[in-house]
Amino acid sequence: MDVRGTLPGIFVTALRGETFPLFRNEGNRFFSSDDFKPRIRFQSMRMSGLGAGIYDFDNDGYKDLFTANSQVNQVPDPESEQEYMQANAVFRNLHNGGFKDVSSEAGPDMKVRAVHRGPGSAI
């Protein structure tokens, strides 16, 4: 996503061990994968995201990122440390092309572990 908000980008979630890719809109129908510079790659590797949203949570004119997280299967993988129920995540736009996981600062509801299947849903 363009940090100035002029060209909409694409942000999607992935399963644990993968990363949440961010695709910057280069214009002319071209997108580039850009999850290293925004630092989303390392912050999202332990999450399983099942929904995403792009919002300006702090009303500063820059879009922030939201992910609804939960493991896919309730049956645990014996080689995985991941829990079925997970807390959601908020990544604040740092205005320099980067994002920071601010979930722990986003209020008590962001600490609730549940089976989140998309923004606005939990089982």
PDB file of N, CA and C in Angstrom:
ATOM      1  N   MET A   1       0.842  -1.156   0.000  1.00  0.00           N
ATOM      2  CA  MET A   1       0.000   0.000   0.000  1.00  0.00           C
ATOM      3  C   MET A   1       0.890   1.221   0.000  1.00  0.00           C
ATOM      4  N   ASP A   2       0.572   2.199  -0.771  1.00  0.00           N
ATOM      5  CA  ASP A   2       1.332   3.439  -0.853  1.00  0.00           C
ATOM      6  C   ASP A   2       1.164   4.179   0.468  1.00  0.00           C
ATOM      7  N   VAL A   3       2.257   4.583   1.105  1.00  0.00           N
ATOM      8  CA  VAL A   3       2.161   5.227   2.410  1.00  0.00           C
ATOM      9  C   VAL A   3       1.457   6.565   2.334  1.00  0.00           C
ATOM     10  N   ARG A   4       1.395   7.158   1.168  1.00  0.00           N
ATOM     11  CA  ARG A   4       0.671   8.408   0.998  1.00  0.00           C
ATOM     12  C   ARG A   4      -0.802   8.157   0.727  1.00  0.00           C
ATOM     13  N   GLY A   5      -1.164   6.921   0.489  1.00  0.00           N
ATOM     14  CA  GLY A   5      -2.552   6.569   0.266  1.00  0.00           C
ATOM     15  C   GLY A   5      -3.049   6.853  -1.140  1.00  0.00           C
ATOM     16  N   THR A   6      -2.168   7.149  -2.077  1.00  0.00           N
ATOM     17  CA  THR A   6      -2.619   7.508  -3.419  1.00  0.00           C
ATOM     18  C   THR A   6      -2.908   6.294  -4.283  1.00  0.00           C
ATOM     19  N   LEU A   7      -2.158   5.238  -4.142  1.00  0.00           N
ATOM     20  CA  LEU A   7      -2.377   4.024  -4.920  1.00  0.00           C
ATOM     21  C   LEU A   7      -2.684   2.874  -3.963  1.00  0.00           C
ATOM     22  N   PRO A   8      -3.878   2.282  -4.047  1.00  0.00           N
ATOM     23  CA  PRO A   8      -4.214   1.202  -3.115  1.00  0.00           C
ATOM     24  C   PRO A   8      -3.380  -0.047  -3.373  1.00  0.00           C
ATOM     25  N   GLY A   9      -2.892  -0.621  -2.300  1.00  0.00           N
ATOM     26  CA  GLY A   9      -2.123  -1.856  -2.385  1.00  0.00           C
ATOM     27  C   GLY A   9      -2.976  -3.038  -1.982  1.00  0.00           C
ATOM     28  N   ILE A  10      -2.344  -4.187  -1.881  1.00  0.00           N
ATOM     29  CA  ILE A  10      -3.030  -5.417  -1.490  1.00  0.00           C
ATOM     30  C   ILE A  10      -2.302  -6.016  -0.290  1.00  0.00           C
ATOM     31  N   PHE A  11      -3.060  -6.388   0.732  1.00  0.00           N
ATOM     32  CA  PHE A  11      -2.516  -7.020   1.930  1.00  0.00           C
ATOM     33  C   PHE A  11      -3.322  -8.278   2.190  1.00  0.00           C
ATOM     34  N   VAL A  12      -2.650  -9.417   2.307  1.00  0.00           N
ATOM     35  CA  VAL A  12      -3.339 -10.682   2.558  1.00  0.00           C
ATOM     36  C   VAL A  12      -2.651 -11.413   3.712  1.00  0.00           C
ATOM     37  N   THR A  13      -3.383 -12.355   4.290  1.00  0.00           N
ATOM     38  CA  THR A  13      -2.827 -13.140   5.386  1.00  0.00           C
ATOM     39  C   THR A  13      -2.362 -14.494   4.868  1.00  0.00           C
ATOM     40  N   ALA A  14      -1.705 -15.238   5.741  1.00  0.00           N
ATOM     41  CA  ALA A  14      -1.188 -16.562   5.400  1.00  0.00           C
ATOM     42  C   ALA A  14      -1.174 -17.406   6.673  1.00  0.00           C
ATOM     43  N   LEU A  15      -0.757 -18.649   6.543  1.00  0.00           N
ATOM     44  CA  LEU A  15      -0.689 -19.542   7.689  1.00  0.00           C
ATOM     45  C   LEU A  15       0.654 -19.430   8.393  1.00  0.00           C
ATOM     46  N   ARG A  16       0.716 -19.973   9.608  1.00  0.00           N
ATOM     47  CA  ARG A  16       1.936 -19.920  10.416  1.00  0.00           C
ATOM     48  C   ARG A  16       3.115 -20.481   9.632  1.00  0.00           C
ATOM     49  N   GLY A  17       4.252 -19.832   9.776  1.00  0.00           N
ATOM     50  CA  GLY A  17       5.456 -20.258   9.083  1.00  0.00           C
ATOM     51  C   GLY A  17       5.599 -19.564   7.746  1.00  0.00           C
ATOM     52  N   GLU A  18       4.527 -18.954   7.273  1.00  0.00           N
ATOM     53  CA  GLU A  18       4.571 -18.138   6.065  1.00  0.00           C
ATOM     54  C   GLU A  18       4.549 -16.685   6.536  1.00  0.00           C
ATOM     55  N   THR A  19       4.434 -15.763   5.632  1.00  0.00           N
ATOM     56  CA  THR A  19       4.360 -14.357   6.023  1.00  0.00           C
ATOM     57  C   THR A  19       3.125 -13.718   5.416  1.00  0.00           C
ATOM     58  N   PHE A  20       2.708 -12.611   5.984  1.00  0.00           N
ATOM     59  CA  PHE A  20       1.581 -11.864   5.448  1.00  0.00           C
ATOM     60  C   PHE A  20       2.122 -10.955   4.351  1.00  0.00           C
ATOM     61  N   PRO A  21       1.870 -11.290   3.089  1.00  0.00           N
ATOM     62  CA  PRO A  21       2.435 -10.489   2.007  1.00  0.00           C
ATOM     63  C   PRO A  21       1.749  -9.134   1.840  1.00  0.00           C
ATOM     64  N   LEU A  22       2.544  -8.170   1.495  1.00  0.00           N
ATOM     65  CA  LEU A  22       2.083  -6.825   1.187  1.00  0.00           C
ATOM     66  C   LEU A  22       2.534  -6.518  -0.232  1.00  0.00           C
ATOM     67  N   PHE A  23       1.593  -6.144  -1.082  1.00  0.00           N
ATOM     68  CA  PHE A  23       1.908  -5.844  -2.477  1.00  0.00           C
ATOM     69  C   PHE A  23       1.680  -4.364  -2.729  1.00  0.00           C
ATOM     70  N   ARG A  24       2.723  -3.671  -3.105  1.00  0.00           N
ATOM     71  CA  ARG A  24       2.637  -2.237  -3.401  1.00  0.00           C
ATOM     72  C   ARG A  24       2.176  -2.029  -4.833  1.00  0.00           C
ATOM     73  N   ASN A  25       1.284  -1.092  -4.985  1.00  0.00           N
ATOM     74  CA  ASN A  25       0.759  -0.740  -6.290  1.00  0.00           C
ATOM     75  C   ASN A  25       1.769   0.169  -6.991  1.00  0.00           C
ATOM     76  N   GLU A  26       2.351  -0.332  -8.071  1.00  0.00           N
ATOM     77  CA  GLU A  26       3.347   0.427  -8.830  1.00  0.00           C
ATOM     78  C   GLU A  26       2.694   1.249  -9.943  1.00  0.00           C
ATOM     79  N   GLY A  27       1.394   1.128 -10.094  1.00  0.00           N
ATOM     80  CA  GLY A  27       0.676   1.809 -11.167  1.00  0.00           C
ATOM     81  C   GLY A  27       0.676   0.960 -12.423  1.00  0.00           C
ATOM     82  N   ASN A  28      -0.090   1.346 -13.400  1.00  0.00           N
ATOM     83  CA  ASN A  28      -0.164   0.621 -14.674  1.00  0.00           C
ATOM     84  C   ASN A  28      -0.455  -0.865 -14.492  1.00  0.00           C
ATOM     85  N   ARG A  29      -1.270  -1.225 -13.491  1.00  0.00           N
ATOM     86  CA  ARG A  29      -1.691  -2.602 -13.207  1.00  0.00           C
ATOM     87  C   ARG A  29      -0.552  -3.514 -12.743  1.00  0.00           C
ATOM     88  N   PHE A  30       0.526  -2.939 -12.215  1.00  0.00           N
ATOM     89  CA  PHE A  30       1.642  -3.730 -11.707  1.00  0.00           C
ATOM     90  C   PHE A  30       1.737  -3.584 -10.192  1.00  0.00           C
ATOM     91  N   PHE A  31       2.004  -4.725  -9.536  1.00  0.00           N
ATOM     92  CA  PHE A  31       2.201  -4.744  -8.094  1.00  0.00           C
ATOM     93  C   PHE A  31       3.537  -5.403  -7.810  1.00  0.00           C
ATOM     94  N   SER A  32       4.204  -4.946  -6.750  1.00  0.00           N
ATOM     95  CA  SER A  32       5.456  -5.582  -6.353  1.00  0.00           C
ATOM     96  C   SER A  32       5.309  -6.107  -4.932  1.00  0.00           C
ATOM     97  N   SER A  33       5.907  -7.263  -4.681  1.00  0.00           N
ATOM     98  CA  SER A  33       5.901  -7.846  -3.351  1.00  0.00           C
ATOM     99  C   SER A  33       6.867  -7.052  -2.493  1.00  0.00           C
ATOM    100  N   ASP A  34       6.361  -6.567  -1.375  1.00  0.00           N
ATOM    101  CA  ASP A  34       7.185  -5.676  -0.561  1.00  0.00           C
ATOM    102  C   ASP A  34       6.938  -5.923   0.917  1.00  0.00           C
ATOM    103  N   ASP A  35       7.265  -7.120   1.401  1.00  0.00           N
ATOM    104  CA  ASP A  35       7.045  -7.383   2.818  1.00  0.00           C
ATOM    105  C   ASP A  35       8.322  -7.282   3.649  1.00  0.00           C
ATOM    106  N   PHE A  36       9.478  -7.062   3.023  1.00  0.00           N
ATOM    107  CA  PHE A  36      10.710  -6.880   3.797  1.00  0.00           C
ATOM    108  C   PHE A  36      10.800  -5.469   4.363  1.00  0.00           C
ATOM    109  N   LYS A  37      10.667  -4.465   3.508  1.00  0.00           N
ATOM    110  CA  LYS A  37      10.782  -3.083   3.965  1.00  0.00           C
ATOM    111  C   LYS A  37       9.751  -2.747   5.035  1.00  0.00           C
ATOM    112  N   PRO A  38       8.489  -3.139   4.865  1.00  0.00           N
ATOM    113  CA  PRO A  38       7.506  -2.816   5.900  1.00  0.00           C
ATOM    114  C   PRO A  38       7.683  -3.612   7.192  1.00  0.00           C
ATOM    115  N   ARG A  39       8.575  -4.593   7.185  1.00  0.00           N
ATOM    116  CA  ARG A  39       8.853  -5.431   8.355  1.00  0.00           C
ATOM    117  C   ARG A  39       7.647  -6.271   8.777  1.00  0.00           C
ATOM    118  N   ILE A  40       6.728  -6.533   7.865  1.00  0.00           N
ATOM    119  CA  ILE A  40       5.589  -7.408   8.160  1.00  0.00           C
ATOM    120  C   ILE A  40       6.056  -8.857   8.221  1.00  0.00           C
ATOM    121  N   ARG A  41       7.030  -9.199   7.417  1.00  0.00           N
ATOM    122  CA  ARG A  41       7.504 -10.579   7.282  1.00  0.00           C
ATOM    123  C   ARG A  41       7.793 -11.228   8.635  1.00  0.00           C
ATOM    124  N   PHE A  42       8.655 -10.655   9.440  1.00  0.00           N
ATOM    125  CA  PHE A  42       9.079 -11.298  10.684  1.00  0.00           C
ATOM    126  C   PHE A  42       8.038 -11.161  11.784  1.00  0.00           C
ATOM    127  N   GLN A  43       7.220 -10.123  11.714  1.00  0.00           N
ATOM    128  CA  GLN A  43       6.201  -9.922  12.740  1.00  0.00           C
ATOM    129  C   GLN A  43       5.034 -10.897  12.588  1.00  0.00           C
ATOM    130  N   SER A  44       4.834 -11.424  11.388  1.00  0.00           N
ATOM    131  CA  SER A  44       3.654 -12.251  11.134  1.00  0.00           C
ATOM    132  C   SER A  44       3.939 -13.748  11.040  1.00  0.00           C
ATOM    133  N   MET A  45       5.177 -14.159  11.128  1.00  0.00           N
ATOM    134  CA  MET A  45       5.518 -15.569  10.899  1.00  0.00           C
ATOM    135  C   MET A  45       4.897 -16.542  11.891  1.00  0.00           C
ATOM    136  N   ARG A  46       4.592 -16.103  13.096  1.00  0.00           N
ATOM    137  CA  ARG A  46       4.016 -17.001  14.105  1.00  0.00           C
ATOM    138  C   ARG A  46       2.487 -16.948  14.137  1.00  0.00           C
ATOM    139  N   MET A  47       1.901 -16.166  13.241  1.00  0.00           N
ATOM    140  CA  MET A  47       0.441 -16.011  13.209  1.00  0.00           C
ATOM    141  C   MET A  47      -0.150 -16.815  12.063  1.00  0.00           C
ATOM    142  N   SER A  48      -1.392 -17.227  12.235  1.00  0.00           N
ATOM    143  CA  SER A  48      -2.184 -17.772  11.130  1.00  0.00           C
ATOM    144  C   SER A  48      -3.339 -16.814  10.914  1.00  0.00           C
ATOM    145  N   GLY A  49      -3.261 -16.039   9.857  1.00  0.00           N
ATOM    146  CA  GLY A  49      -4.281 -15.038   9.590  1.00  0.00           C
ATOM    147  C   GLY A  49      -5.364 -15.587   8.684  1.00  0.00           C
ATOM    148  N   LEU A  50      -6.608 -15.324   9.047  1.00  0.00           N
ATOM    149  CA  LEU A  50      -7.732 -15.793   8.242  1.00  0.00           C
ATOM    150  C   LEU A  50      -8.600 -14.644   7.749  1.00  0.00           C
ATOM    151  N   GLY A  51      -8.130 -13.445   7.903  1.00  0.00           N
ATOM    152  CA  GLY A  51      -8.840 -12.274   7.407  1.00  0.00           C
ATOM    153  C   GLY A  51      -7.975 -11.054   7.594  1.00  0.00           C
ATOM    154  N   ALA A  52      -8.159 -10.047   6.746  1.00  0.00           N
ATOM    155  CA  ALA A  52      -7.341  -8.838   6.820  1.00  0.00           C
ATOM    156  C   ALA A  52      -8.194  -7.612   6.548  1.00  0.00           C
ATOM    157  N   GLY A  53      -7.733  -6.505   7.066  1.00  0.00           N
ATOM    158  CA  GLY A  53      -8.379  -5.231   6.812  1.00  0.00           C
ATOM    159  C   GLY A  53      -7.341  -4.126   6.759  1.00  0.00           C
ATOM    160  N   ILE A  54      -7.645  -3.096   6.000  1.00  0.00           N
ATOM    161  CA  ILE A  54      -6.771  -1.929   5.879  1.00  0.00           C
ATOM    162  C   ILE A  54      -7.593  -0.730   6.339  1.00  0.00           C
ATOM    163  N   TYR A  55      -7.207  -0.143   7.481  1.00  0.00           N
ATOM    164  CA  TYR A  55      -7.971   0.928   8.106  1.00  0.00           C
ATOM    165  C   TYR A  55      -7.005   1.985   8.638  1.00  0.00           C
ATOM    166  N   ASP A  56      -7.500   3.179   8.832  1.00  0.00           N
ATOM    167  CA  ASP A  56      -6.725   4.230   9.489  1.00  0.00           C
ATOM    168  C   ASP A  56      -7.199   4.310  10.940  1.00  0.00           C
ATOM    169  N   PHE A  57      -6.677   3.414  11.783  1.00  0.00           N
ATOM    170  CA  PHE A  57      -7.137   3.306  13.162  1.00  0.00           C
ATOM    171  C   PHE A  57      -6.863   4.554  13.990  1.00  0.00           C
ATOM    172  N   ASP A  58      -5.736   5.201  13.768  1.00  0.00           N
ATOM    173  CA  ASP A  58      -5.367   6.348  14.597  1.00  0.00           C
ATOM    174  C   ASP A  58      -5.654   7.697  13.936  1.00  0.00           C
ATOM    175  N   ASN A  59      -6.371   7.682  12.813  1.00  0.00           N
ATOM    176  CA  ASN A  59      -6.797   8.901  12.123  1.00  0.00           C
ATOM    177  C   ASN A  59      -5.635   9.856  11.810  1.00  0.00           C
ATOM    178  N   ASP A  60      -4.515   9.291  11.393  1.00  0.00           N
ATOM    179  CA  ASP A  60      -3.369  10.134  11.047  1.00  0.00           C
ATOM    180  C   ASP A  60      -3.198  10.294   9.533  1.00  0.00           C
ATOM    181  N   GLY A  61      -4.129   9.736   8.763  1.00  0.00           N
ATOM    182  CA  GLY A  61      -4.070   9.844   7.306  1.00  0.00           C
ATOM    183  C   GLY A  61      -3.295   8.723   6.636  1.00  0.00           C
ATOM    184  N   TYR A  62      -2.765   7.776   7.412  1.00  0.00           N
ATOM    185  CA  TYR A  62      -2.012   6.639   6.880  1.00  0.00           C
ATOM    186  C   TYR A  62      -2.737   5.354   7.250  1.00  0.00           C
ATOM    187  N   LYS A  63      -2.847   4.442   6.306  1.00  0.00           N
ATOM    188  CA  LYS A  63      -3.578   3.199   6.528  1.00  0.00           C
ATOM    189  C   LYS A  63      -2.774   2.228   7.392  1.00  0.00           C
ATOM    190  N   ASP A  64      -3.437   1.668   8.395  1.00  0.00           N
ATOM    191  CA  ASP A  64      -2.877   0.648   9.269  1.00  0.00           C
ATOM    192  C   ASP A  64      -3.454  -0.696   8.828  1.00  0.00           C
ATOM    193  N   LEU A  65      -2.894  -1.788   9.357  1.00  0.00           N
ATOM    194  CA  LEU A  65      -3.304  -3.127   8.949  1.00  0.00           C
ATOM    195  C   LEU A  65      -3.883  -3.892  10.136  1.00  0.00           C
ATOM    196  N   PHE A  66      -4.889  -4.705   9.860  1.00  0.00           N
ATOM    197  CA  PHE A  66      -5.534  -5.543  10.871  1.00  0.00           C
ATOM    198  C   PHE A  66      -5.574  -6.978  10.359  1.00  0.00           C
ATOM    199  N   THR A  67      -5.335  -7.940  11.239  1.00  0.00           N
ATOM    200  CA  THR A  67      -5.492  -9.342  10.857  1.00  0.00           C
ATOM    201  C   THR A  67      -6.325 -10.083  11.900  1.00  0.00           C
ATOM    202  N   ALA A  68      -7.231 -10.928  11.421  1.00  0.00           N
ATOM    203  CA  ALA A  68      -8.009 -11.826  12.266  1.00  0.00           C
ATOM    204  C   ALA A  68      -7.257 -13.159  12.254  1.00  0.00           C
ATOM    205  N   ASN A  69      -6.851 -13.638  13.424  1.00  0.00           N
ATOM    206  CA  ASN A  69      -5.949 -14.781  13.507  1.00  0.00           C
ATOM    207  C   ASN A  69      -6.561 -15.974  14.232  1.00  0.00           C
ATOM    208  N   SER A  70      -6.222 -17.148  13.763  1.00  0.00           N
ATOM    209  CA  SER A  70      -6.584 -18.417  14.397  1.00  0.00           C
ATOM    210  C   SER A  70      -5.961 -19.534  13.582  1.00  0.00           C
ATOM    211  N   GLN A  71      -5.648 -20.620  14.249  1.00  0.00           N
ATOM    212  CA  GLN A  71      -5.173 -21.799  13.534  1.00  0.00           C
ATOM    213  C   GLN A  71      -6.347 -22.393  12.753  1.00  0.00           C
ATOM    214  N   VAL A  72      -6.081 -23.019  11.641  1.00  0.00           N
ATOM    215  CA  VAL A  72      -7.132 -23.596  10.795  1.00  0.00           C
ATOM    216  C   VAL A  72      -7.780 -24.799  11.459  1.00  0.00           C
ATOM    217  N   ASN A  73      -6.962 -25.690  11.995  1.00  0.00           N
ATOM    218  CA  ASN A  73      -7.420 -26.956  12.554  1.00  0.00           C
ATOM    219  C   ASN A  73      -7.431 -26.916  14.067  1.00  0.00           C
ATOM    220  N   GLN A  74      -8.467 -27.475  14.667  1.00  0.00           N
ATOM    221  CA  GLN A  74      -8.498 -27.567  16.121  1.00  0.00           C
ATOM    222  C   GLN A  74      -7.587 -28.686  16.610  1.00  0.00           C
ATOM    223  N   VAL A  75      -7.359 -29.675  15.764  1.00  0.00           N
ATOM    224  CA  VAL A  75      -6.467 -30.774  16.112  1.00  0.00           C
ATOM    225  C   VAL A  75      -5.030 -30.255  16.015  1.00  0.00           C
ATOM    226  N   PRO A  76      -4.309 -30.242  17.114  1.00  0.00           N
ATOM    227  CA  PRO A  76      -2.959 -29.666  17.077  1.00  0.00           C
ATOM    228  C   PRO A  76      -1.970 -30.521  16.292  1.00  0.00           C
ATOM    229  N   ASP A  77      -1.100 -29.854  15.618  1.00  0.00           N
ATOM    230  CA  ASP A  77       0.015 -30.510  14.929  1.00  0.00           C
ATOM    231  C   ASP A  77       1.056 -30.818  15.994  1.00  0.00           C
ATOM    232  N   PRO A  78       1.455 -32.077  16.148  1.00  0.00           N
ATOM    233  CA  PRO A  78       2.400 -32.431  17.212  1.00  0.00           C
ATOM    234  C   PRO A  78       3.747 -31.713  17.101  1.00  0.00           C
ATOM    235  N   GLU A  79       4.078 -31.235  15.920  1.00  0.00           N
ATOM    236  CA  GLU A  79       5.350 -30.541  15.741  1.00  0.00           C
ATOM    237  C   GLU A  79       5.204 -29.031  15.778  1.00  0.00           C
ATOM    238  N   SER A  80       4.008 -28.546  16.044  1.00  0.00           N
ATOM    239  CA  SER A  80       3.753 -27.114  16.050  1.00  0.00           C
ATOM    240  C   SER A  80       3.518 -26.632  17.473  1.00  0.00           C
ATOM    241  N   GLU A  81       3.986 -25.438  17.760  1.00  0.00           N
ATOM    242  CA  GLU A  81       3.740 -24.823  19.056  1.00  0.00           C
ATOM    243  C   GLU A  81       2.529 -23.901  18.998  1.00  0.00           C
ATOM    244  N   GLN A  82       1.889 -23.829  17.855  1.00  0.00           N
ATOM    245  CA  GLN A  82       0.810 -22.876  17.652  1.00  0.00           C
ATOM    246  C   GLN A  82      -0.477 -23.317  18.311  1.00  0.00           C
ATOM    247  N   GLU A  83      -1.154 -22.376  18.935  1.00  0.00           N
ATOM    248  CA  GLU A  83      -2.434 -22.641  19.564  1.00  0.00           C
ATOM    249  C   GLU A  83      -3.556 -22.426  18.566  1.00  0.00           C
ATOM    250  N   TYR A  84      -4.642 -23.167  18.745  1.00  0.00           N
ATOM    251  CA  TYR A  84      -5.812 -23.056  17.867  1.00  0.00           C
ATOM    252  C   TYR A  84      -6.407 -21.643  17.942  1.00  0.00           C
ATOM    253  N   MET A  85      -6.668 -21.185  19.158  1.00  0.00           N
ATOM    254  CA  MET A  85      -7.225 -19.839  19.347  1.00  0.00           C
ATOM    255  C   MET A  85      -6.083 -18.837  19.455  1.00  0.00           C
ATOM    256  N   GLN A  86      -6.198 -17.753  18.717  1.00  0.00           N
ATOM    257  CA  GLN A  86      -5.161 -16.724  18.713  1.00  0.00           C
ATOM    258  C   GLN A  86      -5.792 -15.343  18.857  1.00  0.00           C
ATOM    259  N   ALA A  87      -4.984 -14.404  19.275  1.00  0.00           N
ATOM    260  CA  ALA A  87      -5.418 -13.005  19.331  1.00  0.00           C
ATOM    261  C   ALA A  87      -5.263 -12.385  17.943  1.00  0.00           C
ATOM    262  N   ASN A  88      -6.050 -11.371  17.668  1.00  0.00           N
ATOM    263  CA  ASN A  88      -5.919 -10.637  16.419  1.00  0.00           C
ATOM    264  C   ASN A  88      -4.703  -9.716  16.497  1.00  0.00           C
ATOM    265  N   ALA A  89      -4.387  -9.042  15.404  1.00  0.00           N
ATOM    266  CA  ALA A  89      -3.210  -8.177  15.376  1.00  0.00           C
ATOM    267  C   ALA A  89      -3.505  -6.870  14.653  1.00  0.00           C
ATOM    268  N   VAL A  90      -2.834  -5.814  15.114  1.00  0.00           N
ATOM    269  CA  VAL A  90      -2.884  -4.496  14.474  1.00  0.00           C
ATOM    270  C   VAL A  90      -1.451  -4.067  14.195  1.00  0.00           C
ATOM    271  N   PHE A  91      -1.206  -3.658  12.957  1.00  0.00           N
ATOM    272  CA  PHE A  91       0.104  -3.170  12.544  1.00  0.00           C
ATOM    273  C   PHE A  91      -0.034  -1.692  12.197  1.00  0.00           C
ATOM    274  N   ARG A  92       0.662  -0.849  12.947  1.00  0.00           N
ATOM    275  CA  ARG A  92       0.589   0.603  12.750  1.00  0.00           C
ATOM    276  C   ARG A  92       1.507   1.039  11.621  1.00  0.00           C
ATOM    277  N   ASN A  93       1.007   1.907  10.774  1.00  0.00           N
ATOM    278  CA  ASN A  93       1.787   2.480   9.688  1.00  0.00           C
ATOM    279  C   ASN A  93       2.760   3.499  10.286  1.00  0.00           C
ATOM    280  N   LEU A  94       4.046   3.316  10.040  1.00  0.00           N
ATOM    281  CA  LEU A  94       5.084   4.185  10.602  1.00  0.00           C
ATOM    282  C   LEU A  94       5.399   5.393   9.718  1.00  0.00           C
ATOM    283  N   HIS A  95       4.670   5.568   8.653  1.00  0.00           N
ATOM    284  CA  HIS A  95       4.796   6.714   7.737  1.00  0.00           C
ATOM    285  C   HIS A  95       6.090   6.694   6.939  1.00  0.00           C
ATOM    286  N   ASN A  96       6.847   5.626   7.001  1.00  0.00           N
ATOM    287  CA  ASN A  96       8.119   5.548   6.268  1.00  0.00           C
ATOM    288  C   ASN A  96       8.181   4.283   5.406  1.00  0.00           C
ATOM    289  N   GLY A  97       7.027   3.680   5.163  1.00  0.00           N
ATOM    290  CA  GLY A  97       6.974   2.426   4.408  1.00  0.00           C
ATOM    291  C   GLY A  97       6.977   1.204   5.298  1.00  0.00           C
ATOM    292  N   GLY A  98       7.161   1.394   6.600  1.00  0.00           N
ATOM    293  CA  GLY A  98       7.198   0.280   7.540  1.00  0.00           C
ATOM    294  C   GLY A  98       5.959   0.208   8.409  1.00  0.00           C
ATOM    295  N   PHE A  99       5.790  -0.941   9.060  1.00  0.00           N
ATOM    296  CA  PHE A  99       4.669  -1.173   9.968  1.00  0.00           C
ATOM    297  C   PHE A  99       5.205  -1.806  11.244  1.00  0.00           C
ATOM    298  N   LYS A 100       4.527  -1.544  12.361  1.00  0.00           N
ATOM    299  CA  LYS A 100       4.921  -2.099  13.657  1.00  0.00           C
ATOM    300  C   LYS A 100       3.714  -2.773  14.289  1.00  0.00           C
ATOM    301  N   ASP A 101       3.919  -3.973  14.828  1.00  0.00           N
ATOM    302  CA  ASP A 101       2.857  -4.683  15.530  1.00  0.00           C
ATOM    303  C   ASP A 101       2.577  -3.944  16.841  1.00  0.00           C
ATOM    304  N   VAL A 102       1.403  -3.330  16.937  1.00  0.00           N
ATOM    305  CA  VAL A 102       1.006  -2.589  18.138  1.00  0.00           C
ATOM    306  C   VAL A 102      -0.191  -3.251  18.821  1.00  0.00           C
ATOM    307  N   SER A 103      -0.362  -4.532  18.585  1.00  0.00           N
ATOM    308  CA  SER A 103      -1.509  -5.254  19.125  1.00  0.00           C
ATOM    309  C   SER A 103      -1.609  -5.132  20.643  1.00  0.00           C
ATOM    310  N   SER A 104      -0.481  -5.199  21.322  1.00  0.00           N
ATOM    311  CA  SER A 104      -0.496  -5.139  22.789  1.00  0.00           C
ATOM    312  C   SER A 104      -0.911  -3.759  23.296  1.00  0.00           C
ATOM    313  N   GLU A 105      -0.829  -2.734  22.451  1.00  0.00           N
ATOM    314  CA  GLU A 105      -1.199  -1.373  22.831  1.00  0.00           C
ATOM    315  C   GLU A 105      -2.604  -1.010  22.353  1.00  0.00           C
ATOM    316  N   ALA A 106      -3.263  -1.900  21.622  1.00  0.00           N
ATOM    317  CA  ALA A 106      -4.529  -1.573  20.963  1.00  0.00           C
ATOM    318  C   ALA A 106      -5.756  -1.846  21.825  1.00  0.00           C
ATOM    319  N   GLY A 107      -5.576  -2.142  23.086  1.00  0.00           N
ATOM    320  CA  GLY A 107      -6.704  -2.353  23.980  1.00  0.00           C
ATOM    321  C   GLY A 107      -6.899  -3.804  24.354  1.00  0.00           C
ATOM    322  N   PRO A 108      -7.703  -4.040  25.393  1.00  0.00           N
ATOM    323  CA  PRO A 108      -7.880  -5.391  25.923  1.00  0.00           C
ATOM    324  C   PRO A 108      -8.525  -6.366  24.944  1.00  0.00           C
ATOM    325  N   ASP A 109      -9.371  -5.894  24.049  1.00  0.00           N
ATOM    326  CA  ASP A 109     -10.013  -6.805  23.098  1.00  0.00           C
ATOM    327  C   ASP A 109      -9.015  -7.440  22.142  1.00  0.00           C
ATOM    328  N   MET A 110      -7.896  -6.796  21.907  1.00  0.00           N
ATOM    329  CA  MET A 110      -6.881  -7.336  20.999  1.00  0.00           C
ATOM    330  C   MET A 110      -6.072  -8.451  21.657  1.00  0.00           C
ATOM    331  N   LYS A 111      -6.286  -8.687  22.939  1.00  0.00           N
ATOM    332  CA  LYS A 111      -5.573  -9.750  23.642  1.00  0.00           C
ATOM    333  C   LYS A 111      -6.423 -11.014  23.778  1.00  0.00           C
ATOM    334  N   VAL A 112      -7.677 -10.935  23.355  1.00  0.00           N
ATOM    335  CA  VAL A 112      -8.603 -12.069  23.473  1.00  0.00           C
ATOM    336  C   VAL A 112      -8.251 -13.123  22.433  1.00  0.00           C
ATOM    337  N   ARG A 113      -7.980 -14.318  22.919  1.00  0.00           N
ATOM    338  CA  ARG A 113      -7.717 -15.446  22.020  1.00  0.00           C
ATOM    339  C   ARG A 113      -9.046 -16.116  21.711  1.00  0.00           C
ATOM    340  N   ALA A 114      -9.310 -16.275  20.411  1.00  0.00           N
ATOM    341  CA  ALA A 114     -10.556 -16.896  19.960  1.00  0.00           C
ATOM    342  C   ALA A 114     -10.305 -17.512  18.588  1.00  0.00           C
ATOM    343  N   VAL A 115     -11.341 -18.114  18.031  1.00  0.00           N
ATOM    344  CA  VAL A 115     -11.252 -18.677  16.679  1.00  0.00           C
ATOM    345  C   VAL A 115     -11.769 -17.594  15.734  1.00  0.00           C
ATOM    346  N   HIS A 116     -10.897 -16.680  15.369  1.00  0.00           N
ATOM    347  CA  HIS A 116     -11.269 -15.574  14.492  1.00  0.00           C
ATOM    348  C   HIS A 116     -11.206 -16.049  13.041  1.00  0.00           C
ATOM    349  N   ARG A 117     -12.258 -15.773  12.310  1.00  0.00           N
ATOM    350  CA  ARG A 117     -12.339 -16.217  10.921  1.00  0.00           C
ATOM    351  C   ARG A 117     -12.402 -15.052   9.940  1.00  0.00           C
ATOM    352  N   GLY A 118     -12.374 -13.841  10.431  1.00  0.00           N
ATOM    353  CA  GLY A 118     -12.387 -12.662   9.581  1.00  0.00           C
ATOM    354  C   GLY A 118     -12.630 -11.441  10.429  1.00  0.00           C
ATOM    355  N   PRO A 119     -12.421 -10.245   9.884  1.00  0.00           N
ATOM    356  CA  PRO A 119     -12.687  -9.032  10.657  1.00  0.00           C
ATOM    357  C   PRO A 119     -14.133  -9.005  11.126  1.00  0.00           C
ATOM    358  N   GLY A 120     -14.315  -8.823  12.404  1.00  0.00           N
ATOM    359  CA  GLY A 120     -15.663  -8.741  12.954  1.00  0.00           C
ATOM    360  C   GLY A 120     -16.287 -10.084  13.289  1.00  0.00           C
ATOM    361  N   SER A 121     -15.510 -11.161  13.285  1.00  0.00           N
ATOM    362  CA  SER A 121     -16.106 -12.458  13.594  1.00  0.00           C
ATOM    363  C   SER A 121     -15.227 -13.261  14.541  1.00  0.00           C
ATOM    364  N   ALA A 122     -15.844 -13.986  15.412  1.00  0.00           N
ATOM    365  CA  ALA A 122     -15.143 -14.915  16.305  1.00  0.00           C
ATOM    366  C   ALA A 122     -16.137 -15.993  16.710  1.00  0.00           C
ATOM    367  N   ILE A 123     -15.612 -17.177  16.975  1.00  0.00           N
ATOM    368  CA  ILE A 123     -16.460 -18.290  17.416  1.00  0.00           C
ATOM    369  C   ILE A 123     -16.198 -18.514  18.894  1.00  0.00           C
TER     370      ILE A 123
END
